Protein backbone atom coordinates (compact mmCIF):
# COMPACT_ATOMS: atom_id res chain seq x y z
CA UNK A 1 -34.44 52.19 -19.58
CA UNK A 2 -33.63 53.88 -22.89
CA UNK A 3 -33.81 57.55 -23.90
CA UNK A 4 -35.67 58.46 -27.08
CA UNK A 5 -34.35 62.01 -27.56
CA UNK A 6 -33.48 64.15 -29.42
CA UNK A 7 -35.59 63.40 -32.48
CA UNK A 8 -34.15 63.48 -36.00
CA UNK A 9 -35.60 64.44 -39.38
CA UNK A 10 -34.01 64.45 -42.85
CA UNK A 11 -34.43 67.51 -45.05
CA UNK A 12 -36.86 66.34 -47.74
CA UNK A 13 -35.64 69.07 -50.11
CA UNK A 14 -32.20 67.46 -50.32
CA UNK A 15 -30.84 64.00 -50.86
CA UNK A 16 -30.31 61.67 -47.92
CA UNK A 17 -26.91 62.45 -46.32
CA UNK A 18 -24.13 60.06 -47.28
CA UNK A 19 -22.89 60.12 -43.68
CA UNK A 20 -24.88 58.93 -40.67
CA UNK A 21 -25.13 61.22 -37.65
CA UNK A 22 -26.19 60.88 -34.01
CA UNK A 23 -26.48 63.77 -31.52
CA UNK A 24 -26.28 63.73 -27.74
CA UNK A 25 -26.17 66.54 -25.19
CA UNK A 26 -24.34 67.16 -21.96
CA UNK A 27 -26.01 67.52 -19.56
CA UNK A 28 -28.89 65.30 -20.64
CA UNK A 29 -31.30 66.96 -20.91
CA UNK A 30 -30.06 70.53 -21.43
CA UNK A 31 -31.31 73.07 -18.88
CA UNK A 32 -32.57 76.51 -19.91
CA UNK A 33 -30.73 79.36 -18.18
CA UNK A 34 -32.59 81.08 -15.32
CA UNK A 35 -35.06 83.72 -16.42
CA UNK A 36 -33.36 86.27 -14.13
CA UNK A 37 -30.93 88.07 -16.47
CA UNK A 38 -28.61 88.72 -13.54
CA UNK A 39 -28.12 84.99 -12.94
CA UNK A 40 -25.25 83.28 -14.78
CA UNK A 41 -26.12 81.25 -17.90
CA UNK A 42 -26.27 77.48 -17.93
CA UNK A 43 -23.56 75.84 -20.05
CA UNK A 44 -24.18 72.88 -22.40
CA UNK A 45 -22.46 70.78 -25.03
CA UNK A 46 -23.54 69.16 -28.30
CA UNK A 47 -21.77 65.97 -29.35
CA UNK A 48 -22.31 64.83 -32.95
CA UNK A 49 -20.90 61.49 -34.10
CA UNK A 50 -20.57 60.91 -37.85
CA UNK A 51 -19.73 57.76 -39.84
CA UNK A 52 -20.03 56.18 -43.28
CA UNK A 53 -22.15 53.00 -43.17
CA UNK A 54 -21.72 52.01 -46.83
CA UNK A 55 -18.64 50.17 -48.03
CA UNK A 56 -18.05 52.85 -50.68
CA UNK A 57 -16.21 55.94 -49.36
CA UNK A 58 -17.84 59.38 -49.64
CA UNK A 59 -16.00 62.58 -50.61
CA UNK A 60 -16.85 65.50 -48.31
CA UNK A 61 -16.07 69.21 -49.01
CA UNK A 62 -17.41 70.56 -45.71
CA UNK A 63 -19.76 69.91 -42.80
CA UNK A 64 -21.85 72.71 -41.29
CA UNK A 65 -23.73 72.71 -37.97
CA UNK A 66 -26.41 75.40 -37.70
CA UNK A 67 -27.27 76.40 -34.12
CA UNK A 68 -30.15 78.87 -33.58
CA UNK A 69 -28.98 81.75 -31.38
CA UNK A 70 -30.94 84.55 -29.71
CA UNK A 71 -33.37 85.20 -26.86
CA UNK A 72 -36.40 83.28 -28.21
CA UNK A 73 -37.77 79.83 -27.30
CA UNK A 74 -36.59 78.10 -30.55
CA UNK A 75 -33.05 79.49 -30.02
CA UNK A 76 -30.50 77.31 -28.26
CA UNK A 77 -27.51 79.58 -27.62
CA UNK A 78 -27.52 83.10 -26.21
CA UNK A 79 -24.19 83.93 -27.95
CA UNK A 80 -22.40 81.67 -30.51
CA UNK A 81 -19.13 83.57 -30.08
CA UNK A 82 -18.69 81.93 -26.68
CA UNK A 83 -18.97 78.38 -28.17
CA UNK A 84 -15.83 76.26 -28.66
CA UNK A 85 -16.06 74.07 -31.84
CA UNK A 86 -13.85 70.98 -32.35
CA UNK A 87 -13.68 68.07 -34.86
CA UNK A 88 -11.69 64.86 -34.40
CA UNK A 89 -10.67 64.48 -38.08
CA UNK A 90 -6.97 65.16 -38.62
CA UNK A 91 -6.21 68.17 -40.84
CA UNK A 92 -9.72 69.63 -40.55
CA UNK A 93 -10.37 73.15 -39.23
CA UNK A 94 -13.39 74.73 -37.52
CA UNK A 95 -14.72 78.30 -37.74
CA UNK A 96 -17.90 80.25 -36.95
CA UNK A 97 -19.92 81.85 -39.73
CA UNK A 98 -21.69 84.44 -37.57
CA UNK A 99 -24.00 85.69 -40.32
CA UNK A 100 -25.30 82.19 -41.08
CA UNK A 101 -25.15 81.10 -37.38
CA UNK A 102 -23.23 78.01 -38.53
CA UNK A 103 -20.07 76.29 -37.45
CA UNK A 104 -18.14 75.24 -40.59
CA UNK A 105 -15.72 72.29 -40.60
CA UNK A 106 -13.44 71.86 -43.66
CA UNK A 107 -10.50 69.61 -44.64
CA UNK A 108 -7.11 71.05 -45.52
CA UNK A 109 -7.50 69.97 -49.17
CA UNK A 110 -10.47 70.54 -51.45
CA UNK A 111 -12.27 67.48 -50.07
CA UNK A 112 -11.61 64.44 -47.89
CA UNK A 113 -12.62 60.80 -48.32
CA UNK A 114 -14.57 59.27 -45.42
CA UNK A 115 -14.97 55.51 -45.52
CA UNK A 116 -16.61 52.94 -43.24
CA UNK A 117 -13.52 52.87 -40.99
CA UNK A 118 -13.39 56.67 -40.52
CA UNK A 119 -15.68 57.69 -37.66
CA UNK A 120 -15.42 61.18 -36.22
CA UNK A 121 -16.87 63.46 -33.54
CA UNK A 122 -17.92 67.13 -33.65
CA UNK A 123 -18.12 68.93 -30.30
CA UNK A 124 -19.69 72.31 -29.61
CA UNK A 125 -18.66 73.08 -26.03
CA UNK A 126 -19.37 75.89 -23.57
CA UNK A 127 -22.69 76.75 -25.20
CA UNK A 128 -24.45 79.48 -23.18
CA UNK A 129 -28.01 78.13 -23.20
CA UNK A 130 -30.60 80.92 -23.52
CA UNK A 131 -33.25 81.60 -20.91
CA UNK A 132 -36.36 80.28 -22.70
CA UNK A 133 -37.72 76.74 -22.33
CA UNK A 134 -38.42 75.15 -25.72
CA UNK A 135 -37.17 72.98 -28.59
CA UNK A 136 -34.36 74.08 -30.89
CA UNK A 137 -33.62 72.64 -34.38
CA UNK A 138 -29.94 71.76 -34.86
CA UNK A 139 -29.21 71.22 -38.58
CA UNK A 140 -26.18 69.27 -39.84
CA UNK A 141 -25.44 69.81 -43.56
CA UNK A 142 -22.73 68.11 -45.59
CA UNK A 143 -21.46 68.78 -49.11
CA UNK A 144 -20.72 65.31 -50.42
CA UNK A 145 -20.56 62.96 -53.35
CA UNK A 146 -19.61 59.41 -54.37
CA UNK A 147 -17.42 58.59 -57.34
CA UNK A 148 -17.10 61.44 -59.85
CA UNK A 149 -20.60 62.87 -59.36
CA UNK A 150 -21.14 66.53 -58.45
CA UNK A 151 -21.03 67.66 -54.83
CA UNK A 152 -24.47 68.26 -53.31
CA UNK A 153 -25.61 69.70 -49.95
CA UNK A 154 -27.44 67.06 -47.88
CA UNK A 155 -29.03 67.94 -44.53
CA UNK A 156 -30.44 66.32 -41.41
CA UNK A 157 -32.05 68.06 -38.42
CA UNK A 158 -32.14 67.17 -34.70
CA UNK A 159 -34.68 68.67 -32.30
CA UNK A 160 -32.95 69.45 -29.00
CA UNK A 161 -34.97 70.41 -25.92
CA UNK A 162 -34.16 73.01 -23.25
CA UNK A 163 -35.94 72.07 -20.04
CA UNK A 164 -36.78 74.03 -16.91
CA UNK A 165 -34.08 73.92 -14.28
CA UNK A 166 -36.18 71.86 -11.88
CA UNK A 167 -37.50 69.38 -14.51
CA UNK A 168 -36.45 65.73 -14.37
CA UNK A 169 -37.73 62.44 -15.82
CA UNK A 170 -35.57 59.40 -15.14
CA UNK A 171 -35.23 55.76 -14.05
CA UNK A 172 -38.10 54.11 -15.94
CA UNK A 173 -37.92 50.48 -14.74
CA UNK A 174 -40.05 47.53 -15.90
CA UNK A 175 -40.49 44.65 -13.42
CA UNK A 176 -40.16 41.81 -14.33
CA UNK A 177 -38.38 41.98 -17.68
CA UNK A 178 -39.58 38.52 -18.87
CA UNK A 179 -43.13 37.19 -18.29
CA UNK A 180 -45.38 34.38 -19.48
CA UNK A 181 -48.05 35.08 -22.04
CA UNK A 182 -50.90 36.96 -20.31
CA UNK A 183 -48.74 38.02 -17.36
CA UNK A 184 -48.49 41.39 -15.60
CA UNK A 185 -45.70 43.99 -15.32
CA UNK A 186 -45.18 47.03 -13.09
CA UNK A 187 -43.57 50.25 -14.36
CA UNK A 188 -41.88 52.70 -11.95
CA UNK A 189 -40.24 56.06 -12.69
CA UNK A 190 -39.06 59.32 -11.19
CA UNK A 191 -40.34 62.68 -12.40
CA UNK A 192 -40.80 66.32 -11.48
CA UNK A 193 -44.21 67.90 -10.98
CA UNK A 194 -43.91 70.69 -13.58
CA UNK A 195 -44.91 68.66 -16.67
CA UNK A 196 -47.60 66.39 -18.06
CA UNK A 197 -46.83 62.70 -18.53
CA UNK A 198 -48.21 59.97 -20.82
CA UNK A 199 -47.55 56.23 -20.94
CA UNK A 200 -47.77 54.82 -24.46
CA UNK A 201 -47.67 51.19 -25.63
CA UNK A 202 -49.34 49.51 -28.58
CA UNK A 203 -52.58 51.41 -29.28
CA UNK A 204 -52.82 52.59 -25.66
CA UNK A 205 -52.17 56.14 -24.41
CA UNK A 206 -52.55 56.62 -20.63
CA UNK A 207 -52.38 59.95 -18.77
CA UNK A 208 -50.02 59.31 -15.84
CA UNK A 209 -49.31 62.93 -14.83
CA UNK A 210 -50.17 62.18 -11.19
CA UNK A 211 -48.48 58.76 -11.13
CA UNK A 212 -44.99 57.41 -10.58
CA UNK A 213 -45.99 53.77 -11.00
CA UNK A 214 -48.36 51.75 -13.21
CA UNK A 215 -49.33 48.07 -13.30
CA UNK A 216 -50.11 46.67 -16.76
CA UNK A 217 -52.05 43.39 -16.87
CA UNK A 218 -52.61 40.63 -19.46
CA UNK A 219 -49.55 41.37 -21.59
CA UNK A 220 -49.55 38.86 -24.47
CA UNK A 221 -46.66 40.01 -26.68
CA UNK A 222 -43.26 41.66 -26.47
CA UNK A 223 -44.00 45.29 -25.63
CA UNK A 224 -42.07 48.57 -25.54
CA UNK A 225 -43.43 51.15 -23.09
CA UNK A 226 -42.80 54.87 -23.74
CA UNK A 227 -43.04 57.46 -20.97
CA UNK A 228 -43.39 60.93 -22.48
CA UNK A 229 -42.97 64.14 -20.44
CA UNK A 230 -44.04 67.47 -21.95
CA UNK A 231 -43.39 70.95 -20.52
CA UNK A 232 -42.83 74.56 -21.63
CA UNK A 233 -44.93 76.92 -23.72
CA UNK A 234 -47.69 75.27 -25.77
CA UNK A 235 -46.45 77.04 -28.92
CA UNK A 236 -42.99 75.42 -28.58
CA UNK A 237 -43.12 72.63 -26.01
CA UNK A 238 -40.17 70.52 -24.99
CA UNK A 239 -40.54 66.75 -24.84
CA UNK A 240 -38.49 64.02 -23.17
CA UNK A 241 -39.23 60.34 -23.75
CA UNK A 242 -37.99 57.28 -21.85
CA UNK A 243 -38.58 53.66 -22.92
CA UNK A 244 -38.54 50.19 -21.34
CA UNK A 245 -39.24 46.74 -22.74
CA UNK A 246 -40.78 43.48 -21.54
CA UNK A 247 -40.31 40.12 -23.28
CA UNK A 248 -43.14 37.55 -23.37
CA UNK A 249 -42.55 33.81 -23.51
CA UNK A 250 -44.51 32.36 -26.46
CA UNK A 251 -46.07 35.73 -27.35
CA UNK A 252 -49.14 36.48 -29.44
CA UNK A 253 -48.20 38.14 -32.74
CA UNK A 254 -50.18 40.55 -34.90
CA UNK A 255 -48.33 41.82 -37.97
CA UNK A 256 -49.07 43.17 -41.43
CA UNK A 257 -46.69 41.08 -43.54
CA UNK A 258 -44.68 38.01 -42.52
CA UNK A 259 -41.87 36.72 -44.72
CA UNK A 260 -40.22 33.54 -43.43
CA UNK A 261 -36.93 32.39 -44.98
CA UNK A 262 -36.32 29.53 -42.57
CA UNK A 263 -38.33 26.91 -40.68
CA UNK A 264 -41.65 28.00 -39.16
CA UNK A 265 -43.48 25.64 -36.80
CA UNK A 266 -47.04 26.38 -35.71
CA UNK A 267 -47.97 23.98 -32.90
CA UNK A 268 -51.44 25.33 -32.12
CA UNK A 269 -54.56 26.51 -33.92
CA UNK A 270 -53.54 29.01 -36.60
CA UNK A 271 -55.82 31.33 -38.58
CA UNK A 272 -54.45 33.36 -41.48
CA UNK A 273 -55.95 35.40 -44.28
CA UNK A 274 -52.81 35.59 -46.41
CA UNK A 275 -49.57 33.75 -45.70
CA UNK A 276 -46.36 34.01 -47.74
CA UNK A 277 -43.56 31.61 -46.81
CA UNK A 278 -40.20 31.89 -48.55
CA UNK A 279 -38.74 28.85 -46.77
CA UNK A 280 -40.11 25.81 -44.96
CA UNK A 281 -43.35 26.02 -42.94
CA UNK A 282 -44.26 23.05 -40.72
CA UNK A 283 -47.83 23.19 -39.40
CA UNK A 284 -48.09 20.41 -36.82
CA UNK A 285 -51.35 21.56 -35.22
CA UNK A 286 -54.81 22.49 -36.46
CA UNK A 287 -54.43 25.23 -39.08
CA UNK A 288 -57.34 27.22 -40.48
CA UNK A 289 -56.90 29.41 -43.56
CA UNK A 290 -59.38 31.08 -45.88
CA UNK A 291 -57.12 31.08 -48.93
CA UNK A 292 -53.85 29.20 -49.37
CA UNK A 293 -51.86 29.73 -52.57
CA UNK A 294 -48.74 27.75 -53.44
CA UNK A 295 -46.71 29.25 -56.29
CA UNK A 296 -45.78 27.08 -59.25
CA UNK A 297 -42.12 26.95 -58.17
CA UNK A 298 -42.98 25.76 -54.64
CA UNK A 299 -44.38 22.62 -53.03
CA UNK A 300 -47.17 22.07 -50.50
CA UNK A 301 -46.55 18.98 -48.30
CA UNK A 302 -49.49 17.74 -46.22
CA UNK A 303 -50.36 14.62 -44.27
CA UNK A 304 -54.16 14.95 -44.23
CA UNK A 305 -56.58 17.14 -46.18
CA UNK A 306 -60.19 17.17 -45.03
CA UNK A 307 -63.13 19.22 -46.23
CA UNK A 308 -65.74 20.50 -43.80
CA UNK A 309 -69.02 22.42 -43.83
CA UNK A 310 -69.94 24.10 -47.08
CA UNK A 311 -66.26 24.00 -48.14
CA UNK A 312 -66.01 20.24 -48.41
CA UNK A 313 -64.66 20.13 -51.96
CA UNK A 314 -60.95 19.74 -52.73
CA UNK A 315 -60.27 21.37 -56.10
CA UNK A 316 -56.83 20.92 -57.64
CA UNK A 317 -56.20 22.97 -60.76
CA UNK A 318 -52.83 21.38 -61.57
CA UNK A 319 -51.03 18.14 -60.76
CA UNK A 320 -51.57 16.16 -57.53
CA UNK A 321 -48.55 13.99 -56.73
CA UNK A 322 -48.69 11.51 -53.83
CA UNK A 323 -45.05 10.47 -53.62
CA UNK A 324 -44.34 9.52 -50.00
CA UNK A 325 -43.86 5.76 -49.68
CA UNK A 326 -46.08 4.06 -47.16
CA UNK A 327 -48.76 6.77 -47.08
CA UNK A 328 -52.41 6.07 -47.86
CA UNK A 329 -55.05 8.02 -49.74
CA UNK A 330 -58.53 7.06 -48.61
CA UNK A 331 -61.56 8.24 -50.58
CA UNK A 332 -64.76 7.31 -48.74
CA UNK A 333 -67.13 8.88 -51.24
CA UNK A 334 -67.35 9.27 -55.00
CA UNK A 335 -64.02 9.81 -56.77
CA UNK A 336 -64.37 11.23 -60.28
CA UNK A 337 -61.43 11.79 -62.63
CA UNK A 338 -62.38 13.60 -65.82
CA UNK A 339 -58.91 13.46 -67.39
CA UNK A 340 -56.04 11.01 -67.74
CA UNK A 341 -55.10 9.09 -64.59
CA UNK A 342 -51.62 7.55 -64.45
CA UNK A 343 -50.71 5.04 -61.72
CA UNK A 344 -46.95 4.41 -61.84
CA UNK A 345 -46.69 2.33 -58.68
CA UNK A 346 -48.44 -0.63 -57.07
CA UNK A 347 -52.17 0.09 -56.99
CA UNK A 348 -54.65 -1.90 -54.87
CA UNK A 349 -58.41 -1.52 -55.15
CA UNK A 350 -61.27 -3.51 -53.70
CA UNK A 351 -63.71 -2.78 -56.54
CA UNK A 352 -63.00 -1.06 -59.83
CA UNK A 353 -65.84 -0.34 -62.23
CA UNK A 354 -65.24 1.00 -65.74
CA UNK A 355 -68.21 2.81 -67.27
CA UNK A 356 -69.66 0.35 -69.85
CA UNK A 357 -70.69 3.26 -72.07
CA UNK A 358 -69.11 4.11 -75.40
CA UNK A 359 -66.28 6.05 -73.71
CA UNK A 360 -65.47 3.54 -70.99
CA UNK A 361 -62.50 1.20 -71.32
CA UNK A 362 -59.52 -0.03 -69.31
CA UNK A 363 -56.26 0.28 -71.25
CA UNK A 364 -53.04 -1.33 -70.00
CA UNK A 365 -50.65 0.68 -72.16
CA UNK A 366 -47.39 -0.72 -70.76
CA UNK A 367 -46.37 -3.05 -67.97
CA UNK A 368 -48.33 -6.16 -67.09
CA UNK A 369 -51.50 -7.46 -65.48
CA UNK A 370 -50.91 -9.87 -62.59
CA UNK A 371 -53.26 -11.83 -60.36
CA UNK A 372 -52.05 -13.22 -57.04
CA UNK A 373 -52.54 -16.79 -55.83
CA UNK A 374 -56.11 -17.60 -54.95
CA UNK A 375 -57.62 -14.79 -56.99
CA UNK A 376 -59.69 -14.99 -60.18
CA UNK A 377 -59.75 -13.04 -63.41
CA UNK A 378 -63.36 -13.10 -64.60
CA UNK A 379 -64.43 -11.94 -68.05
CA UNK A 380 -68.16 -11.72 -68.68
CA UNK A 381 -67.79 -10.55 -72.27
CA UNK A 382 -65.47 -11.15 -75.21
CA UNK A 383 -61.73 -11.27 -74.45
CA UNK A 384 -59.87 -10.46 -77.66
CA UNK A 385 -56.75 -12.47 -76.84
CA UNK A 386 -58.73 -15.71 -77.18
CA UNK A 387 -60.72 -14.71 -80.23
CA UNK A 388 -58.78 -16.87 -82.71
CA UNK A 389 -57.19 -19.16 -80.11
CA UNK A 390 -53.43 -19.93 -80.23
CA UNK A 391 -51.17 -21.06 -83.09
CA UNK A 392 -48.69 -23.88 -82.43
CA UNK A 393 -45.41 -22.93 -84.13
CA UNK A 394 -43.19 -25.86 -83.05
CA UNK A 395 -43.50 -28.93 -80.85
CA UNK A 396 -40.45 -31.20 -80.80
CA UNK A 397 -38.07 -33.26 -78.69
CA UNK A 398 -34.84 -31.62 -77.54
CA UNK A 399 -31.60 -33.43 -76.95
CA UNK A 400 -28.52 -31.46 -78.00
CA UNK A 401 -27.33 -28.53 -80.10
CA UNK A 402 -28.12 -24.79 -80.44
CA UNK A 403 -30.97 -23.63 -82.64
CA UNK A 404 -32.79 -20.35 -83.19
CA UNK A 405 -35.65 -19.09 -85.34
CA UNK A 406 -36.75 -15.50 -86.02
CA UNK A 407 -40.34 -14.40 -86.62
CA UNK A 408 -42.02 -11.17 -87.60
CA UNK A 409 -45.35 -10.26 -86.00
CA UNK A 410 -48.00 -9.20 -88.53
CA UNK A 411 -50.12 -8.25 -85.54
CA UNK A 412 -49.54 -7.78 -81.81
CA UNK A 413 -49.61 -10.85 -79.60
CA UNK A 414 -47.85 -13.13 -77.12
CA UNK A 415 -45.17 -15.71 -77.94
CA UNK A 416 -45.19 -18.56 -75.41
CA UNK A 417 -42.35 -21.07 -74.98
CA UNK A 418 -42.95 -24.23 -72.91
CA UNK A 419 -40.14 -26.64 -71.90
CA UNK A 420 -40.63 -30.05 -70.20
CA UNK A 421 -38.11 -32.53 -68.79
CA UNK A 422 -39.02 -36.06 -69.98
CA UNK A 423 -36.56 -38.29 -68.09
CA UNK A 424 -36.49 -39.51 -64.53
CA UNK A 425 -33.78 -41.47 -62.74
CA UNK A 426 -32.95 -42.99 -59.35
CA UNK A 427 -29.19 -42.56 -59.94
CA UNK A 428 -28.26 -39.58 -57.76
CA UNK A 429 -24.73 -39.60 -59.15
CA UNK A 430 -25.78 -38.45 -62.62
CA UNK A 431 -24.09 -35.18 -63.43
CA UNK A 432 -26.91 -34.19 -65.77
CA UNK A 433 -29.09 -33.64 -62.70
CA UNK A 434 -27.26 -30.28 -62.58
CA UNK A 435 -27.46 -29.70 -66.35
CA UNK A 436 -30.25 -27.64 -67.90
CA UNK A 437 -32.02 -27.08 -71.18
CA UNK A 438 -32.47 -23.31 -71.73
CA UNK A 439 -34.62 -21.23 -74.03
CA UNK A 440 -34.50 -17.52 -74.85
CA UNK A 441 -36.86 -15.13 -76.61
CA UNK A 442 -35.50 -11.72 -77.71
CA UNK A 443 -37.71 -8.86 -78.89
CA UNK A 444 -37.36 -5.07 -78.84
CA UNK A 445 -33.83 -5.44 -77.46
CA UNK A 446 -35.00 -7.39 -74.37
CA UNK A 447 -34.13 -11.07 -73.80
CA UNK A 448 -36.31 -13.38 -71.67
CA UNK A 449 -35.04 -16.80 -70.50
CA UNK A 450 -36.32 -20.03 -68.94
CA UNK A 451 -34.72 -23.41 -68.19
CA UNK A 452 -35.54 -26.97 -67.06
CA UNK A 453 -33.21 -29.72 -65.79
CA UNK A 454 -32.21 -32.41 -68.29
CA UNK A 455 -33.00 -35.21 -65.78
CA UNK A 456 -35.08 -35.25 -62.59
CA UNK A 457 -35.40 -37.70 -59.71
CA UNK A 458 -37.74 -40.62 -60.05
CA UNK A 459 -41.00 -39.93 -58.24
CA UNK A 460 -40.65 -36.12 -58.46
CA UNK A 461 -43.25 -34.00 -60.24
CA UNK A 462 -42.46 -33.53 -63.89
CA UNK A 463 -40.23 -30.42 -64.26
CA UNK A 464 -41.86 -27.88 -66.55
CA UNK A 465 -41.30 -24.17 -67.26
CA UNK A 466 -42.78 -21.60 -69.60
CA UNK A 467 -42.66 -17.91 -70.48
CA UNK A 468 -44.87 -15.54 -72.47
CA UNK A 469 -43.31 -12.58 -74.31
CA UNK A 470 -45.35 -9.67 -75.75
CA UNK A 471 -44.45 -8.79 -79.35
CA UNK A 472 -45.54 -5.53 -80.95
CA UNK A 473 -47.08 -5.42 -84.40
CA UNK A 474 -44.32 -5.27 -87.03
CA UNK A 475 -41.68 -6.33 -84.52
CA UNK A 476 -39.48 -9.42 -84.62
CA UNK A 477 -38.84 -12.08 -82.01
CA UNK A 478 -35.89 -14.49 -82.01
CA UNK A 479 -36.42 -17.86 -80.26
CA UNK A 480 -33.21 -19.71 -79.24
CA UNK A 481 -32.75 -23.15 -77.69
CA UNK A 482 -29.48 -24.07 -76.02
CA UNK A 483 -29.44 -27.82 -75.46
CA UNK A 484 -25.73 -28.25 -74.66
CA UNK A 485 -25.09 -31.38 -72.63
CA UNK A 486 -22.24 -32.34 -70.41
CA UNK A 487 -19.70 -34.61 -72.02
CA UNK A 488 -21.27 -38.06 -72.08
CA UNK A 489 -24.42 -36.66 -70.55
CA UNK A 490 -27.87 -38.15 -70.95
CA UNK A 491 -31.44 -36.95 -70.74
CA UNK A 492 -34.12 -35.61 -73.01
CA UNK A 493 -36.94 -33.10 -73.04
CA UNK A 494 -39.72 -31.57 -75.09
CA UNK A 495 -40.41 -28.00 -76.19
CA UNK A 496 -43.42 -26.21 -77.65
CA UNK A 497 -43.71 -22.67 -79.09
CA UNK A 498 -47.12 -20.99 -79.37
CA UNK A 499 -48.37 -17.68 -80.75
CA UNK A 500 -51.44 -16.00 -79.24
CA UNK A 501 -52.68 -13.02 -81.27
CA UNK A 502 -54.32 -10.09 -79.53
CA UNK A 503 -57.77 -9.03 -80.62
CA UNK A 504 -58.05 -11.78 -83.22
CA UNK A 505 -55.14 -10.36 -85.24
CA UNK A 506 -52.86 -12.20 -87.73
CA UNK A 507 -50.29 -14.80 -86.76
CA UNK A 508 -46.50 -14.76 -86.78
CA UNK A 509 -44.58 -15.21 -90.00
CA UNK A 510 -41.18 -16.86 -90.07
CA UNK A 511 -38.70 -14.64 -91.90
CA UNK A 512 -35.44 -15.27 -93.66
CA UNK A 513 -32.23 -13.33 -93.10
CA UNK A 514 -32.70 -11.41 -96.35
CA UNK A 515 -36.02 -10.03 -95.09
CA UNK A 516 -34.56 -8.62 -91.86
CA UNK A 517 -33.35 -5.00 -91.61
CA UNK A 518 -29.71 -4.52 -92.60
CA UNK A 519 -27.27 -4.91 -89.72
CA UNK A 520 -24.10 -3.06 -88.94
CA UNK A 521 -21.09 -4.74 -90.56
CA UNK A 522 -19.48 -5.15 -87.15
CA UNK A 523 -22.54 -6.96 -85.80
CA UNK A 524 -22.67 -10.72 -85.76
CA UNK A 525 -24.80 -12.16 -88.56
CA UNK A 526 -28.01 -13.69 -87.25
CA UNK A 527 -28.40 -17.42 -87.93
CA UNK A 528 -31.88 -18.50 -88.94
CA UNK A 529 -32.68 -22.17 -88.51
CA UNK A 530 -35.83 -24.12 -88.18
CA UNK A 531 -36.22 -26.25 -85.08
CA UNK A 532 -35.54 -29.88 -85.95
CA UNK A 533 -36.97 -32.91 -84.26
CA UNK A 534 -34.62 -35.15 -82.31
CA UNK A 535 -36.11 -38.54 -81.62
CA UNK A 536 -35.64 -39.71 -78.03
CA UNK A 537 -32.89 -42.27 -77.44
CA UNK A 538 -32.75 -45.07 -74.93
CA UNK A 539 -30.72 -43.56 -72.07
CA UNK A 540 -31.47 -46.14 -69.42
CA UNK A 541 -33.95 -43.92 -67.67
CA UNK A 542 -37.67 -43.69 -67.74
CA UNK A 543 -38.87 -41.20 -70.35
CA UNK A 544 -42.23 -39.56 -70.10
CA UNK A 545 -44.38 -39.11 -73.16
CA UNK A 546 -44.45 -35.64 -74.68
CA UNK A 547 -47.09 -33.36 -73.14
CA UNK A 548 -50.44 -33.32 -74.85
């Protein structure tokens, strides 16, 4: 049970007080003195606790507590001269300003600094409570400032009730305190008969004047119950309010705005009109929303997006990135892309049709086009790479030495180098079985290499290797052969270099060193040599003829 009394209001004609105040009474609640003037007056006490909540201290010149005095219902005290005022702050004094009906509390100096560690208490004891039931306004005013600003009066008012002598409202108990969603609770309380009583919770207001117990069913969310007792004259009633709470396991929630800065997990069906999430929201169950907006600085992560009913379209105004490895995107109906589509990873498709109209084409800008084993690349029209066939640049035997030749491409195309081992042997002790002829092709700063053994075993398939290197129009390609043999080694091979222009373009042109761009002085000078033919020698093995 909690007590919601007395109520507090801030004077709207002044600034918010720099100090925070709470007011309690003793007894609680205060009792009005008997109406019989011959009977002694009831005594009461006001206890006001003040503190500074901000980390910046406040300077205070004085604190005044105004207590209405007189014989009327809004008056609290019958005679202020009988009240004993005290304040817990060291060096402060208290006095009564009878004309203003205020108790004034002042520091010994011009002002005092009150920081977050300086709490204090004001007590007004031995108050002779007047003989009228009603509510009295108790006003606390401070003259305060921060920094070097001017002092200003700042006020707050508490409404304190004076109840009939035989009035009581107490012991509001909620049983049980924790329930499952949709469960029931029972409220019990004690009260006198000389008042009207209301039970308030949510949007419900029940008249319980004749009750001391109430069962509330189908509670779906955490709920605070307020029991309000009202008595006294209708022109100035006095009100006392008790409260009790019940907690619901997995409650239903209905709120105006929800800002989530951490993880939010919705495990069931969720409907929302507007949802703003400042942190992470994990929706693991069915989630229905009319509008969902993701700001440009945020990310929407989903596993499945499905359209239904008349809202079957998925419209994306910006970029759609599918970046999670191992996930699939399945489109079972027409998929139309009106703009540029970039596929940076492995892309598999059963059928891909490019519109044969004037605007339809498939452009492999960078990378490569591969076909796996057992598949076919079918062209039913003209393929530009074969338009003028291939040009044979060199076709010679290789035996020993290092040679390189540089070409410039007058048009884009592919340079292909083919190497073949020509000798076989049954002598497994030959060291040249582990020796290799190598070839390199360097263009655009990238070097590609292949190799073949100098000698292979008799009866083995002929060892052959090749590579194709794309060369951009205007670029150069350097072809190098390293035919270094082991000391006293044997063996021979054959090489061929081809140029395949793209789109029927021009062929390669061999260039001299003087025609190449100037190199840095620290760079090694490029050697330009033409491949020379080395006739095969009799090495005791079985040479194969050069490939046709």
